[in-house]
Amino acid sequence: KVLKVAVCAPLTGTGARAGTGFIESTKMAFEDIDYKVGDYTIEMITVDLTDDPEKGALALEQAIVRDGAQVATQGWFTTGAMASMDVVARYEIPYLFNYGAGQSIDEKYATDPDYYKYYIGKTYPLTDFIAVEYRDLVVEAMESGAISGDKTICLYGEDTDWARSLGANYRKYFEEAGYTILTEDYFAAGTTDLYAILSKMQAAGPTLVAGTINTPATAAAFTKQ
């Protein structure tokens, strides 16, 4: 007996490096169990979700219709995850552990839980939860003296549902704690020239910066610059 598993990740576009990591690590996991689960042999079908949700959804649909995928797993971008939800609902196959994490996924699921019941195991928590936990960490660090300075923050992130959702919740919870948001900027995923935004933040003079970047090349450029 054969179980055909569509392993989905962006292999082209801005998320390609992360996507390649997903595919290779999944291969390692399957190799570790000799591509066996129970009395089934796993046949892995690689699906390039790209960074375009429409193209990714079409690729997943082709894996189901043309290649006979019976279950899907993995994934990266929120927009891609939302498009994939409709595909697996239409064909009634389970989609396990997509890493798309934006709050819009939860909101879409809540519109029709029965229809979207095949989308299983959202991996990351809501940005609301993440933001309040980081806020509490910063507040404790300030109170203990581990961090010194005034209560000022600059927010940043890629122009994605995930980053904007996290930024909105950072603003909400830090302002509740008496912090002032000096700047808030978003940039296209894959951007590697961040000097203008970093100069703007430096000129504002915050005690802290907070944000999120999912594209490895952008994260490396942000850290270096």
C-alpha atoms as a PDB file:
ATOM      1  CA  LYS A   1       0.000   0.000   0.000  1.00  0.00           C
ATOM      2  CA  VAL A   2       1.201   3.485  -0.864  1.00  0.00           C
ATOM      3  CA  LEU A   3       0.514   6.803   0.865  1.00  0.00           C
ATOM      4  CA  LYS A   4       1.150   9.749  -1.436  1.00  0.00           C
ATOM      5  CA  VAL A   5       2.197  12.809   0.559  1.00  0.00           C
ATOM      6  CA  ALA A   6       2.384  16.264  -1.003  1.00  0.00           C
ATOM      7  CA  VAL A   7       5.202  18.115   0.758  1.00  0.00           C
ATOM      8  CA  CYS A   8       4.602  21.785   0.057  1.00  0.00           C
ATOM      9  CA  ALA A   9       7.016  24.695   0.290  1.00  0.00           C
ATOM     10  CA  PRO A  10       8.099  27.755  -1.704  1.00  0.00           C
ATOM     11  CA  LEU A  11      10.995  26.544  -3.838  1.00  0.00           C
ATOM     12  CA  THR A  12      11.074  29.615  -6.061  1.00  0.00           C
ATOM     13  CA  GLY A  13      10.648  33.271  -5.159  1.00  0.00           C
ATOM     14  CA  THR A  14      11.483  35.058  -1.921  1.00  0.00           C
ATOM     15  CA  GLY A  15      10.897  32.040   0.306  1.00  0.00           C
ATOM     16  CA  ALA A  16      13.001  29.589  -1.705  1.00  0.00           C
ATOM     17  CA  ARG A  17      15.772  29.175   0.841  1.00  0.00           C
ATOM     18  CA  ALA A  18      13.360  28.451   3.678  1.00  0.00           C
ATOM     19  CA  GLY A  19      11.310  26.203   1.410  1.00  0.00           C
ATOM     20  CA  THR A  20      14.341  24.142   0.443  1.00  0.00           C
ATOM     21  CA  GLY A  21      15.005  23.623   4.132  1.00  0.00           C
ATOM     22  CA  PHE A  22      11.466  22.321   4.620  1.00  0.00           C
ATOM     23  CA  ILE A  23      11.778  19.855   1.754  1.00  0.00           C
ATOM     24  CA  GLU A  24      15.205  18.544   2.741  1.00  0.00           C
ATOM     25  CA  SER A  25      14.310  18.175   6.424  1.00  0.00           C
ATOM     26  CA  THR A  26      11.122  16.293   5.479  1.00  0.00           C
ATOM     27  CA  LYS A  27      13.165  13.944   3.298  1.00  0.00           C
ATOM     28  CA  MET A  28      15.473  13.305   6.249  1.00  0.00           C
ATOM     29  CA  ALA A  29      12.492  12.513   8.474  1.00  0.00           C
ATOM     30  CA  PHE A  30      11.041  10.095   5.920  1.00  0.00           C
ATOM     31  CA  GLU A  31      14.436   8.476   5.421  1.00  0.00           C
ATOM     32  CA  ASP A  32      14.696   8.001   9.171  1.00  0.00           C
ATOM     33  CA  ILE A  33      11.566   5.822   9.092  1.00  0.00           C
ATOM     34  CA  ASP A  34      12.548   4.218   5.774  1.00  0.00           C
ATOM     35  CA  TYR A  35       9.557   5.900   4.082  1.00  0.00           C
ATOM     36  CA  LYS A  36       7.208   3.658   6.049  1.00  0.00           C
ATOM     37  CA  VAL A  37       4.205   4.404   8.261  1.00  0.00           C
ATOM     38  CA  GLY A  38       2.349   1.337   9.469  1.00  0.00           C
ATOM     39  CA  ASP A  39       1.967  -0.940   6.472  1.00  0.00           C
ATOM     40  CA  TYR A  40       2.108   1.976   4.017  1.00  0.00           C
ATOM     41  CA  THR A  41       5.072   3.059   1.918  1.00  0.00           C
ATOM     42  CA  ILE A  42       5.327   6.848   1.663  1.00  0.00           C
ATOM     43  CA  GLU A  43       5.652   8.373  -1.775  1.00  0.00           C
ATOM     44  CA  MET A  44       6.752  11.986  -1.435  1.00  0.00           C
ATOM     45  CA  ILE A  45       5.433  14.498  -3.966  1.00  0.00           C
ATOM     46  CA  THR A  46       7.273  17.835  -3.902  1.00  0.00           C
ATOM     47  CA  VAL A  47       5.034  20.873  -4.481  1.00  0.00           C
ATOM     48  CA  ASP A  48       6.460  24.324  -5.198  1.00  0.00           C
ATOM     49  CA  LEU A  49       4.087  26.795  -3.556  1.00  0.00           C
ATOM     50  CA  THR A  50       6.214  29.736  -4.813  1.00  0.00           C
ATOM     51  CA  ASP A  51       5.454  33.081  -3.149  1.00  0.00           C
ATOM     52  CA  ASP A  52       2.340  33.553  -5.301  1.00  0.00           C
ATOM     53  CA  PRO A  53      -0.765  32.087  -3.602  1.00  0.00           C
ATOM     54  CA  GLU A  54      -2.615  31.449  -6.889  1.00  0.00           C
ATOM     55  CA  LYS A  55       0.321  29.600  -8.442  1.00  0.00           C
ATOM     56  CA  GLY A  56       0.874  27.668  -5.219  1.00  0.00           C
ATOM     57  CA  ALA A  57      -2.774  26.618  -5.025  1.00  0.00           C
ATOM     58  CA  LEU A  58      -2.649  25.453  -8.648  1.00  0.00           C
ATOM     59  CA  ALA A  59       0.514  23.429  -7.977  1.00  0.00           C
ATOM     60  CA  LEU A  60      -1.137  21.759  -4.984  1.00  0.00           C
ATOM     61  CA  GLU A  61      -4.271  21.029  -7.024  1.00  0.00           C
ATOM     62  CA  GLN A  62      -2.154  19.423  -9.743  1.00  0.00           C
ATOM     63  CA  ALA A  63      -0.418  17.250  -7.147  1.00  0.00           C
ATOM     64  CA  ILE A  64      -3.817  16.022  -5.985  1.00  0.00           C
ATOM     65  CA  VAL A  65      -5.496  15.563  -9.361  1.00  0.00           C
ATOM     66  CA  ARG A  66      -2.538  14.550 -11.534  1.00  0.00           C
ATOM     67  CA  ASP A  67      -0.232  12.831  -9.048  1.00  0.00           C
ATOM     68  CA  GLY A  68      -2.797  11.408  -6.647  1.00  0.00           C
ATOM     69  CA  ALA A  69      -1.660  13.107  -3.425  1.00  0.00           C
ATOM     70  CA  GLN A  70      -3.746  11.852  -0.494  1.00  0.00           C
ATOM     71  CA  VAL A  71      -2.416  14.174   2.208  1.00  0.00           C
ATOM     72  CA  ALA A  72      -0.453  17.428   2.240  1.00  0.00           C
ATOM     73  CA  THR A  73       1.978  18.937   4.721  1.00  0.00           C
ATOM     74  CA  GLN A  74       4.368  21.855   5.282  1.00  0.00           C
ATOM     75  CA  GLY A  75       4.129  25.379   3.853  1.00  0.00           C
ATOM     76  CA  TRP A  76       5.425  28.837   4.745  1.00  0.00           C
ATOM     77  CA  PHE A  77       3.526  31.997   3.782  1.00  0.00           C
ATOM     78  CA  THR A  78       0.147  32.975   5.234  1.00  0.00           C
ATOM     79  CA  THR A  79      -1.263  33.922   1.840  1.00  0.00           C
ATOM     80  CA  GLY A  80      -0.214  30.561   0.433  1.00  0.00           C
ATOM     81  CA  ALA A  81      -1.762  28.755   3.374  1.00  0.00           C
ATOM     82  CA  MET A  82      -5.079  30.532   2.888  1.00  0.00           C
ATOM     83  CA  ALA A  83      -5.172  29.571  -0.799  1.00  0.00           C
ATOM     84  CA  SER A  84      -4.267  25.966   0.045  1.00  0.00           C
ATOM     85  CA  MET A  85      -7.122  25.768   2.558  1.00  0.00           C
ATOM     86  CA  ASP A  86      -9.626  26.076  -0.275  1.00  0.00           C
ATOM     87  CA  VAL A  87      -7.898  23.410  -2.374  1.00  0.00           C
ATOM     88  CA  VAL A  88      -7.863  20.729   0.323  1.00  0.00           C
ATOM     89  CA  ALA A  89     -11.418  21.593   1.373  1.00  0.00           C
ATOM     90  CA  ARG A  90     -12.565  21.123  -2.237  1.00  0.00           C
ATOM     91  CA  TYR A  91     -10.831  17.759  -2.626  1.00  0.00           C
ATOM     92  CA  GLU A  92     -11.346  16.681   0.996  1.00  0.00           C
ATOM     93  CA  ILE A  93      -7.782  15.683   1.797  1.00  0.00           C
ATOM     94  CA  PRO A  94      -6.045  16.567   5.084  1.00  0.00           C
ATOM     95  CA  TYR A  95      -3.394  19.283   5.157  1.00  0.00           C
ATOM     96  CA  LEU A  96      -1.167  18.915   8.220  1.00  0.00           C
ATOM     97  CA  PHE A  97       1.113  21.454   9.927  1.00  0.00           C
ATOM     98  CA  ASN A  98       1.407  24.373   7.543  1.00  0.00           C
ATOM     99  CA  TYR A  99       3.711  27.029   8.968  1.00  0.00           C
ATOM    100  CA  GLY A 100       1.617  29.899   7.605  1.00  0.00           C
ATOM    101  CA  ALA A 101       0.862  31.795  10.790  1.00  0.00           C
ATOM    102  CA  GLY A 102      -1.102  34.992  10.161  1.00  0.00           C
ATOM    103  CA  GLN A 103      -4.274  35.657  12.110  1.00  0.00           C
ATOM    104  CA  SER A 104      -6.242  35.805   8.856  1.00  0.00           C
ATOM    105  CA  ILE A 105      -5.932  32.002   8.662  1.00  0.00           C
ATOM    106  CA  ASP A 106      -7.821  31.633  11.939  1.00  0.00           C
ATOM    107  CA  GLU A 107     -10.395  34.169  10.799  1.00  0.00           C
ATOM    108  CA  LYS A 108     -10.944  32.306   7.522  1.00  0.00           C
ATOM    109  CA  TYR A 109     -11.252  28.968   9.327  1.00  0.00           C
ATOM    110  CA  ALA A 110     -13.823  30.466  11.706  1.00  0.00           C
ATOM    111  CA  THR A 111     -16.107  31.437   8.805  1.00  0.00           C
ATOM    112  CA  ASP A 112     -16.873  27.748   8.140  1.00  0.00           C
ATOM    113  CA  PRO A 113     -15.080  25.280  10.453  1.00  0.00           C
ATOM    114  CA  ASP A 114     -16.829  22.280   8.917  1.00  0.00           C
ATOM    115  CA  TYR A 115     -15.747  23.187   5.378  1.00  0.00           C
ATOM    116  CA  TYR A 116     -12.173  23.908   6.429  1.00  0.00           C
ATOM    117  CA  LYS A 117     -11.866  20.920   8.764  1.00  0.00           C
ATOM    118  CA  TYR A 118      -9.276  19.318   6.459  1.00  0.00           C
ATOM    119  CA  TYR A 119      -6.794  22.060   7.341  1.00  0.00           C
ATOM    120  CA  ILE A 120      -5.255  20.593  10.483  1.00  0.00           C
ATOM    121  CA  GLY A 121      -2.580  21.683  12.941  1.00  0.00           C
ATOM    122  CA  LYS A 122      -1.702  25.351  12.400  1.00  0.00           C
ATOM    123  CA  THR A 123       1.852  25.409  13.724  1.00  0.00           C
ATOM    124  CA  TYR A 124       2.433  28.925  15.047  1.00  0.00           C
ATOM    125  CA  PRO A 125       0.306  30.709  17.669  1.00  0.00           C
ATOM    126  CA  LEU A 126      -1.534  33.926  16.942  1.00  0.00           C
ATOM    127  CA  THR A 127       0.528  37.096  16.722  1.00  0.00           C
ATOM    128  CA  ASP A 128      -1.612  38.407  19.577  1.00  0.00           C
ATOM    129  CA  PHE A 129      -0.108  35.788  21.898  1.00  0.00           C
ATOM    130  CA  ILE A 130       3.437  36.322  20.631  1.00  0.00           C
ATOM    131  CA  ALA A 131       3.256  40.110  20.968  1.00  0.00           C
ATOM    132  CA  VAL A 132       2.009  40.119  24.542  1.00  0.00           C
ATOM    133  CA  GLU A 133       4.666  37.584  25.601  1.00  0.00           C
ATOM    134  CA  TYR A 134       7.477  39.686  24.095  1.00  0.00           C
ATOM    135  CA  ARG A 135       5.977  42.814  25.648  1.00  0.00           C
ATOM    136  CA  ASP A 136       6.005  41.186  29.064  1.00  0.00           C
ATOM    137  CA  LEU A 137       9.615  40.067  28.564  1.00  0.00           C
ATOM    138  CA  VAL A 138      10.692  43.618  27.712  1.00  0.00           C
ATOM    139  CA  VAL A 139       8.772  45.124  30.637  1.00  0.00           C
ATOM    140  CA  GLU A 140      10.421  42.678  33.050  1.00  0.00           C
ATOM    141  CA  ALA A 141      13.860  43.390  31.563  1.00  0.00           C
ATOM    142  CA  MET A 142      13.335  47.141  31.929  1.00  0.00           C
ATOM    143  CA  GLU A 143      12.143  46.786  35.523  1.00  0.00           C
ATOM    144  CA  SER A 144      15.096  44.557  36.452  1.00  0.00           C
ATOM    145  CA  GLY A 145      17.625  46.894  34.843  1.00  0.00           C
ATOM    146  CA  ALA A 146      18.696  44.381  32.204  1.00  0.00           C
ATOM    147  CA  ILE A 147      17.579  46.965  29.618  1.00  0.00           C
ATOM    148  CA  SER A 148      17.881  50.683  30.266  1.00  0.00           C
ATOM    149  CA  GLY A 149      16.460  53.691  28.465  1.00  0.00           C
ATOM    150  CA  ASP A 150      13.152  55.370  27.849  1.00  0.00           C
ATOM    151  CA  LYS A 151      10.027  53.537  26.728  1.00  0.00           C
ATOM    152  CA  THR A 152      10.419  54.013  22.986  1.00  0.00           C
ATOM    153  CA  ILE A 153      10.248  51.466  20.175  1.00  0.00           C
ATOM    154  CA  CYS A 154      10.517  51.377  16.388  1.00  0.00           C
ATOM    155  CA  LEU A 155       8.541  48.675  14.584  1.00  0.00           C
ATOM    156  CA  TYR A 156       9.509  47.031  11.292  1.00  0.00           C
ATOM    157  CA  GLY A 157       8.704  44.038   9.143  1.00  0.00           C
ATOM    158  CA  GLU A 158       8.141  42.579   5.718  1.00  0.00           C
ATOM    159  CA  ASP A 159       4.960  43.678   3.980  1.00  0.00           C
ATOM    160  CA  THR A 160       3.054  40.484   4.744  1.00  0.00           C
ATOM    161  CA  ASP A 161      -0.084  39.576   6.634  1.00  0.00           C
ATOM    162  CA  TRP A 162       2.046  37.959   9.341  1.00  0.00           C
ATOM    163  CA  ALA A 163       4.358  40.934   9.883  1.00  0.00           C
ATOM    164  CA  ARG A 164       1.605  43.554   9.814  1.00  0.00           C
ATOM    165  CA  SER A 165      -0.499  41.506  12.216  1.00  0.00           C
ATOM    166  CA  LEU A 166       2.433  41.177  14.599  1.00  0.00           C
ATOM    167  CA  GLY A 167       3.237  44.880  14.241  1.00  0.00           C
ATOM    168  CA  ALA A 168      -0.350  45.862  15.041  1.00  0.00           C
ATOM    169  CA  ASN A 169      -0.292  43.731  18.173  1.00  0.00           C
ATOM    170  CA  TYR A 170       3.124  45.039  19.212  1.00  0.00           C
ATOM    171  CA  ARG A 171       1.709  48.549  18.948  1.00  0.00           C
ATOM    172  CA  LYS A 172      -1.385  47.597  20.942  1.00  0.00           C
ATOM    173  CA  TYR A 173       0.384  45.888  23.828  1.00  0.00           C
ATOM    174  CA  PHE A 174       3.410  48.151  24.130  1.00  0.00           C
ATOM    175  CA  GLU A 175       1.228  51.251  24.112  1.00  0.00           C
ATOM    176  CA  GLU A 176      -0.890  49.668  26.838  1.00  0.00           C
ATOM    177  CA  ALA A 177       2.306  49.398  28.898  1.00  0.00           C
ATOM    178  CA  GLY A 178       3.131  53.068  28.360  1.00  0.00           C
ATOM    179  CA  TYR A 179       5.598  52.749  25.486  1.00  0.00           C
ATOM    180  CA  THR A 180       5.745  55.155  22.548  1.00  0.00           C
ATOM    181  CA  ILE A 181       6.005  53.832  18.990  1.00  0.00           C
ATOM    182  CA  LEU A 182       8.331  56.193  17.138  1.00  0.00           C
ATOM    183  CA  THR A 183       8.220  54.666  13.658  1.00  0.00           C
ATOM    184  CA  GLU A 184       6.539  51.728  11.928  1.00  0.00           C
ATOM    185  CA  ASP A 185       7.811  50.612   8.521  1.00  0.00           C
ATOM    186  CA  TYR A 186       7.215  47.659   6.217  1.00  0.00           C
ATOM    187  CA  PHE A 187       9.161  46.585   3.141  1.00  0.00           C
ATOM    188  CA  ALA A 188       8.792  44.013   0.380  1.00  0.00           C
ATOM    189  CA  ALA A 189       9.886  40.466   1.146  1.00  0.00           C
ATOM    190  CA  GLY A 190      13.284  39.883  -0.416  1.00  0.00           C
ATOM    191  CA  THR A 191      14.461  43.470   0.091  1.00  0.00           C
ATOM    192  CA  THR A 192      18.193  43.616   0.772  1.00  0.00           C
ATOM    193  CA  ASP A 193      18.788  47.381   0.838  1.00  0.00           C
ATOM    194  CA  LEU A 194      17.407  48.493   4.185  1.00  0.00           C
ATOM    195  CA  TYR A 195      19.670  51.461   4.850  1.00  0.00           C
ATOM    196  CA  ALA A 196      16.884  54.033   4.456  1.00  0.00           C
ATOM    197  CA  ILE A 197      14.616  52.357   6.999  1.00  0.00           C
ATOM    198  CA  LEU A 198      17.487  51.688   9.403  1.00  0.00           C
ATOM    199  CA  SER A 199      18.621  55.315   9.129  1.00  0.00           C
ATOM    200  CA  LYS A 200      15.086  56.438   9.891  1.00  0.00           C
ATOM    201  CA  MET A 201      14.990  54.255  12.993  1.00  0.00           C
ATOM    202  CA  GLN A 202      18.437  55.401  14.089  1.00  0.00           C
ATOM    203  CA  ALA A 203      17.397  59.052  13.730  1.00  0.00           C
ATOM    204  CA  ALA A 204      14.301  58.390  15.859  1.00  0.00           C
ATOM    205  CA  GLY A 205      16.544  57.101  18.653  1.00  0.00           C
ATOM    206  CA  PRO A 206      14.484  54.257  20.129  1.00  0.00           C
ATOM    207  CA  THR A 207      15.544  52.137  23.073  1.00  0.00           C
ATOM    208  CA  LEU A 208      14.334  49.027  21.219  1.00  0.00           C
ATOM    209  CA  VAL A 209      13.347  47.854  17.761  1.00  0.00           C
ATOM    210  CA  ALA A 210      10.816  45.066  17.260  1.00  0.00           C
ATOM    211  CA  GLY A 211       9.595  43.263  14.179  1.00  0.00           C
ATOM    212  CA  THR A 212       9.808  40.147  12.063  1.00  0.00           C
ATOM    213  CA  ILE A 213      11.469  39.033   8.818  1.00  0.00           C
ATOM    214  CA  ASN A 214      10.845  35.633   7.211  1.00  0.00           C
ATOM    215  CA  THR A 215      13.066  35.868   4.128  1.00  0.00           C
ATOM    216  CA  PRO A 216      16.635  34.723   4.979  1.00  0.00           C
ATOM    217  CA  ALA A 217      18.345  37.164   2.574  1.00  0.00           C
ATOM    218  CA  THR A 218      16.396  40.088   4.029  1.00  0.00           C
ATOM    219  CA  ALA A 219      17.097  39.005   7.601  1.00  0.00           C
ATOM    220  CA  ALA A 220      20.815  38.732   6.856  1.00  0.00           C
ATOM    221  CA  ALA A 221      20.879  42.183   5.248  1.00  0.00           C
ATOM    222  CA  PHE A 222      18.954  43.726   8.159  1.00  0.00           C
ATOM    223  CA  THR A 223      21.384  42.253  10.683  1.00  0.00           C
ATOM    224  CA  LYS A 224      24.493  43.255   8.728  1.00  0.00           C
ATOM    225  CA  GLN A 225      23.357  46.770   7.846  1.00  0.00           C
END
